Each structure stands twice: as structure tokens, then as C-alpha cells.
């Protein structure tokens, strides 16, 4: 008789990374990542908060190095975007808040990341 005892462990399934991998496997041109805010921001939650309309992968990497995106919030989304885009000149990522579109033809707002 074997006396093995199973023990649970905490684990996080990184949904943003998984979404990026799935979009890559589907050869998608655009990945939309939904979050609780309309746009990624520099200096998030501070008096000088600045929403980002658009940034390149290079800019996203610079902002990451500066510590602009927090673990568990925006950082995984930015990392997934960078990974999905890779070296593609075609692929892009939209990070936005899911909100009902009240007017027909209303454009979805958010942060666009591209090569």
C-alpha cells in the first residue's frame, strides 16, 4: 500500500497570455484584450495619469522597464500583446474596456499596440 498524500497548490492561469497564444495559433491579425479600464495609462492612479491611445512594441518595452505597468493588472496584458505581435508588421492588439455600444457605428476606444 502506498501512502501518498495529495496537496493543493495555488496556480494562476494567465488568461491574457493564453488568449495571445490562441490568437497566434489562429493566425489572427488583431487581438482584443478586455479589461476594467478603457486604456492603458502611464502613472496609473496618480495625479499625472496619462491614457495611452497608441504605442509601439518598443515603447511598451520601455514603459515596462520603467515599471509603468503593475503585476497582476496591466503588465500581463502588455506582455501578451508584445508576445502576440512579435516581429509582425501586420498584427496589433487593442486593450479596452467592455462596454455596450449605445450608438450604431460607435468606435471602440482603447490602447492600440503595434510594431
C-alpha atoms as a PDB file:
ATOM      1  CA  UNK A   1       0.000   0.000   0.000  1.00  0.00           C
ATOM      2  CA  UNK A   2       1.357   3.402  -0.990  1.00  0.00           C
ATOM      3  CA  UNK A   3       0.851   6.286   1.402  1.00  0.00           C
ATOM      4  CA  UNK A   4       0.776   9.316  -0.854  1.00  0.00           C
ATOM      5  CA  UNK A   5      -0.885  12.446   0.241  1.00  0.00           C
ATOM      6  CA  UNK A   6      -2.105  14.984  -2.308  1.00  0.00           C
ATOM      7  CA  UNK A   7      -1.747  18.609  -1.520  1.00  0.00           C
ATOM      8  CA  UNK A   8      -3.305  21.512  -3.412  1.00  0.00           C
ATOM      9  CA  UNK A   9      -1.237  24.337  -4.792  1.00  0.00           C
ATOM     10  CA  UNK A  10      -2.088  27.852  -5.823  1.00  0.00           C
ATOM     11  CA  UNK A  11      -1.930  28.478  -9.542  1.00  0.00           C
ATOM     12  CA  UNK A  12      -2.783  31.336 -11.820  1.00  0.00           C
ATOM     13  CA  UNK A  13      -3.917  30.734 -15.353  1.00  0.00           C
ATOM     14  CA  UNK A  14      -2.747  33.770 -17.255  1.00  0.00           C
ATOM     15  CA  UNK A  15      -5.752  34.382 -19.483  1.00  0.00           C
ATOM     16  CA  UNK A  16      -4.097  37.206 -21.425  1.00  0.00           C
ATOM     17  CA  UNK A  17      -1.154  35.020 -22.383  1.00  0.00           C
ATOM     18  CA  UNK A  18      -3.456  32.148 -23.322  1.00  0.00           C
ATOM     19  CA  UNK A  19      -5.591  34.482 -25.449  1.00  0.00           C
ATOM     20  CA  UNK A  20      -2.461  35.676 -27.233  1.00  0.00           C
ATOM     21  CA  UNK A  21      -1.289  32.115 -27.900  1.00  0.00           C
ATOM     22  CA  UNK A  22      -4.728  31.152 -29.218  1.00  0.00           C
ATOM     23  CA  UNK A  23      -4.845  34.222 -31.487  1.00  0.00           C
ATOM     24  CA  UNK A  24      -1.365  33.286 -32.728  1.00  0.00           C
ATOM     25  CA  UNK A  25      -2.450  29.712 -33.495  1.00  0.00           C
ATOM     26  CA  UNK A  26      -5.472  31.075 -35.375  1.00  0.00           C
ATOM     27  CA  UNK A  27      -3.128  33.396 -37.316  1.00  0.00           C
ATOM     28  CA  UNK A  28      -5.214  36.415 -36.278  1.00  0.00           C
ATOM     29  CA  UNK A  29      -4.187  39.930 -37.242  1.00  0.00           C
ATOM     30  CA  UNK A  30      -5.704  41.579 -34.159  1.00  0.00           C
ATOM     31  CA  UNK A  31      -6.095  40.546 -30.550  1.00  0.00           C
ATOM     32  CA  UNK A  32      -8.592  42.376 -28.349  1.00  0.00           C
ATOM     33  CA  UNK A  33      -7.885  42.190 -24.618  1.00  0.00           C
ATOM     34  CA  UNK A  34     -10.789  43.275 -22.431  1.00  0.00           C
ATOM     35  CA  UNK A  35     -10.097  44.795 -19.044  1.00  0.00           C
ATOM     36  CA  UNK A  36     -11.683  47.029 -16.418  1.00  0.00           C
ATOM     37  CA  UNK A  37     -10.270  50.269 -17.837  1.00  0.00           C
ATOM     38  CA  UNK A  38     -10.708  51.924 -21.206  1.00  0.00           C
ATOM     39  CA  UNK A  39      -6.989  52.411 -21.878  1.00  0.00           C
ATOM     40  CA  UNK A  40      -3.576  51.552 -20.521  1.00  0.00           C
ATOM     41  CA  UNK A  41      -2.110  54.544 -18.692  1.00  0.00           C
ATOM     42  CA  UNK A  42       1.220  55.946 -17.698  1.00  0.00           C
ATOM     43  CA  UNK A  43       1.389  56.856 -13.996  1.00  0.00           C
ATOM     44  CA  UNK A  44      -1.838  54.913 -13.388  1.00  0.00           C
ATOM     45  CA  UNK A  45      -3.783  56.107 -10.357  1.00  0.00           C
ATOM     46  CA  UNK A  46      -1.584  59.162  -9.854  1.00  0.00           C
ATOM     47  CA  UNK A  47      -2.356  62.841 -10.274  1.00  0.00           C
ATOM     48  CA  UNK A  48      -0.419  62.928 -13.542  1.00  0.00           C
ATOM     49  CA  UNK A  49      -2.093  59.829 -15.041  1.00  0.00           C
ATOM     50  CA  UNK A  50      -1.879  59.834 -18.838  1.00  0.00           C
ATOM     51  CA  UNK A  51      -4.003  57.496 -21.003  1.00  0.00           C
ATOM     52  CA  UNK A  52      -2.160  55.872 -23.895  1.00  0.00           C
ATOM     53  CA  UNK A  53      -4.011  55.912 -27.225  1.00  0.00           C
ATOM     54  CA  UNK A  54      -1.327  54.114 -29.199  1.00  0.00           C
ATOM     55  CA  UNK A  55       2.163  52.721 -28.651  1.00  0.00           C
ATOM     56  CA  UNK A  56       4.693  50.585 -30.434  1.00  0.00           C
ATOM     57  CA  UNK A  57       6.131  47.361 -29.078  1.00  0.00           C
ATOM     58  CA  UNK A  58       9.403  49.251 -28.477  1.00  0.00           C
ATOM     59  CA  UNK A  59       7.583  51.912 -26.447  1.00  0.00           C
ATOM     60  CA  UNK A  60       5.699  49.230 -24.488  1.00  0.00           C
ATOM     61  CA  UNK A  61       9.016  47.593 -23.588  1.00  0.00           C
ATOM     62  CA  UNK A  62      10.422  50.955 -22.440  1.00  0.00           C
ATOM     63  CA  UNK A  63       7.357  51.591 -20.264  1.00  0.00           C
ATOM     64  CA  UNK A  64       7.692  48.091 -18.787  1.00  0.00           C
ATOM     65  CA  UNK A  65      11.345  48.771 -17.939  1.00  0.00           C
ATOM     66  CA  UNK A  66      10.248  51.980 -16.188  1.00  0.00           C
ATOM     67  CA  UNK A  67       7.766  49.972 -14.080  1.00  0.00           C
ATOM     68  CA  UNK A  68       4.725  51.703 -15.577  1.00  0.00           C
ATOM     69  CA  UNK A  69       2.543  48.562 -15.587  1.00  0.00           C
ATOM     70  CA  UNK A  70       1.787  46.623 -12.395  1.00  0.00           C
ATOM     71  CA  UNK A  71       1.994  42.844 -11.951  1.00  0.00           C
ATOM     72  CA  UNK A  72      -1.417  41.214 -11.986  1.00  0.00           C
ATOM     73  CA  UNK A  73      -3.105  44.189 -13.641  1.00  0.00           C
ATOM     74  CA  UNK A  74      -1.865  45.756 -16.886  1.00  0.00           C
ATOM     75  CA  UNK A  75       1.576  44.110 -17.098  1.00  0.00           C
ATOM     76  CA  UNK A  76       0.309  40.662 -18.204  1.00  0.00           C
ATOM     77  CA  UNK A  77      -1.781  42.330 -20.912  1.00  0.00           C
ATOM     78  CA  UNK A  78       1.203  44.284 -22.245  1.00  0.00           C
ATOM     79  CA  UNK A  79       3.399  41.175 -22.139  1.00  0.00           C
ATOM     80  CA  UNK A  80       0.757  39.175 -24.025  1.00  0.00           C
ATOM     81  CA  UNK A  81       0.487  41.964 -26.606  1.00  0.00           C
ATOM     82  CA  UNK A  82       4.240  42.041 -27.180  1.00  0.00           C
ATOM     83  CA  UNK A  83       4.398  38.265 -27.494  1.00  0.00           C
ATOM     84  CA  UNK A  84       1.441  38.128 -29.908  1.00  0.00           C
ATOM     85  CA  UNK A  85       2.748  40.899 -32.161  1.00  0.00           C
ATOM     86  CA  UNK A  86       6.293  39.539 -32.276  1.00  0.00           C
ATOM     87  CA  UNK A  87       8.013  40.831 -35.409  1.00  0.00           C
ATOM     88  CA  UNK A  88       4.801  41.153 -37.408  1.00  0.00           C
ATOM     89  CA  UNK A  89       4.160  44.437 -39.181  1.00  0.00           C
ATOM     90  CA  UNK A  90       0.501  43.408 -39.568  1.00  0.00           C
ATOM     91  CA  UNK A  91      -0.549  42.294 -36.100  1.00  0.00           C
ATOM     92  CA  UNK A  92      -1.910  44.651 -33.458  1.00  0.00           C
ATOM     93  CA  UNK A  93      -3.534  44.498 -30.040  1.00  0.00           C
ATOM     94  CA  UNK A  94      -6.394  46.575 -28.671  1.00  0.00           C
ATOM     95  CA  UNK A  95      -6.661  46.853 -24.876  1.00  0.00           C
ATOM     96  CA  UNK A  96     -10.052  48.218 -23.913  1.00  0.00           C
ATOM     97  CA  UNK A  97     -12.970  48.065 -21.513  1.00  0.00           C
ATOM     98  CA  UNK A  98     -16.012  46.047 -22.453  1.00  0.00           C
ATOM     99  CA  UNK A  99     -18.912  48.467 -22.607  1.00  0.00           C
ATOM    100  CA  UNK A 100     -22.151  48.307 -24.527  1.00  0.00           C
ATOM    101  CA  UNK A 101     -22.090  50.281 -27.740  1.00  0.00           C
ATOM    102  CA  UNK A 102     -25.098  52.552 -27.498  1.00  0.00           C
ATOM    103  CA  UNK A 103     -24.824  54.202 -30.885  1.00  0.00           C
ATOM    104  CA  UNK A 104     -24.636  52.274 -34.130  1.00  0.00           C
ATOM    105  CA  UNK A 105     -21.198  52.631 -35.655  1.00  0.00           C
ATOM    106  CA  UNK A 106     -19.593  53.922 -32.459  1.00  0.00           C
ATOM    107  CA  UNK A 107     -15.877  53.135 -32.490  1.00  0.00           C
ATOM    108  CA  UNK A 108     -14.407  51.011 -29.736  1.00  0.00           C
ATOM    109  CA  UNK A 109     -11.906  53.070 -27.717  1.00  0.00           C
ATOM    110  CA  UNK A 110      -8.762  51.734 -26.159  1.00  0.00           C
ATOM    111  CA  UNK A 111      -4.999  51.461 -26.412  1.00  0.00           C
ATOM    112  CA  UNK A 112      -3.640  50.100 -29.710  1.00  0.00           C
ATOM    113  CA  UNK A 113      -0.252  48.402 -29.666  1.00  0.00           C
ATOM    114  CA  UNK A 114       1.539  47.657 -32.935  1.00  0.00           C
ATOM    115  CA  UNK A 115       5.001  47.031 -34.353  1.00  0.00           C
END
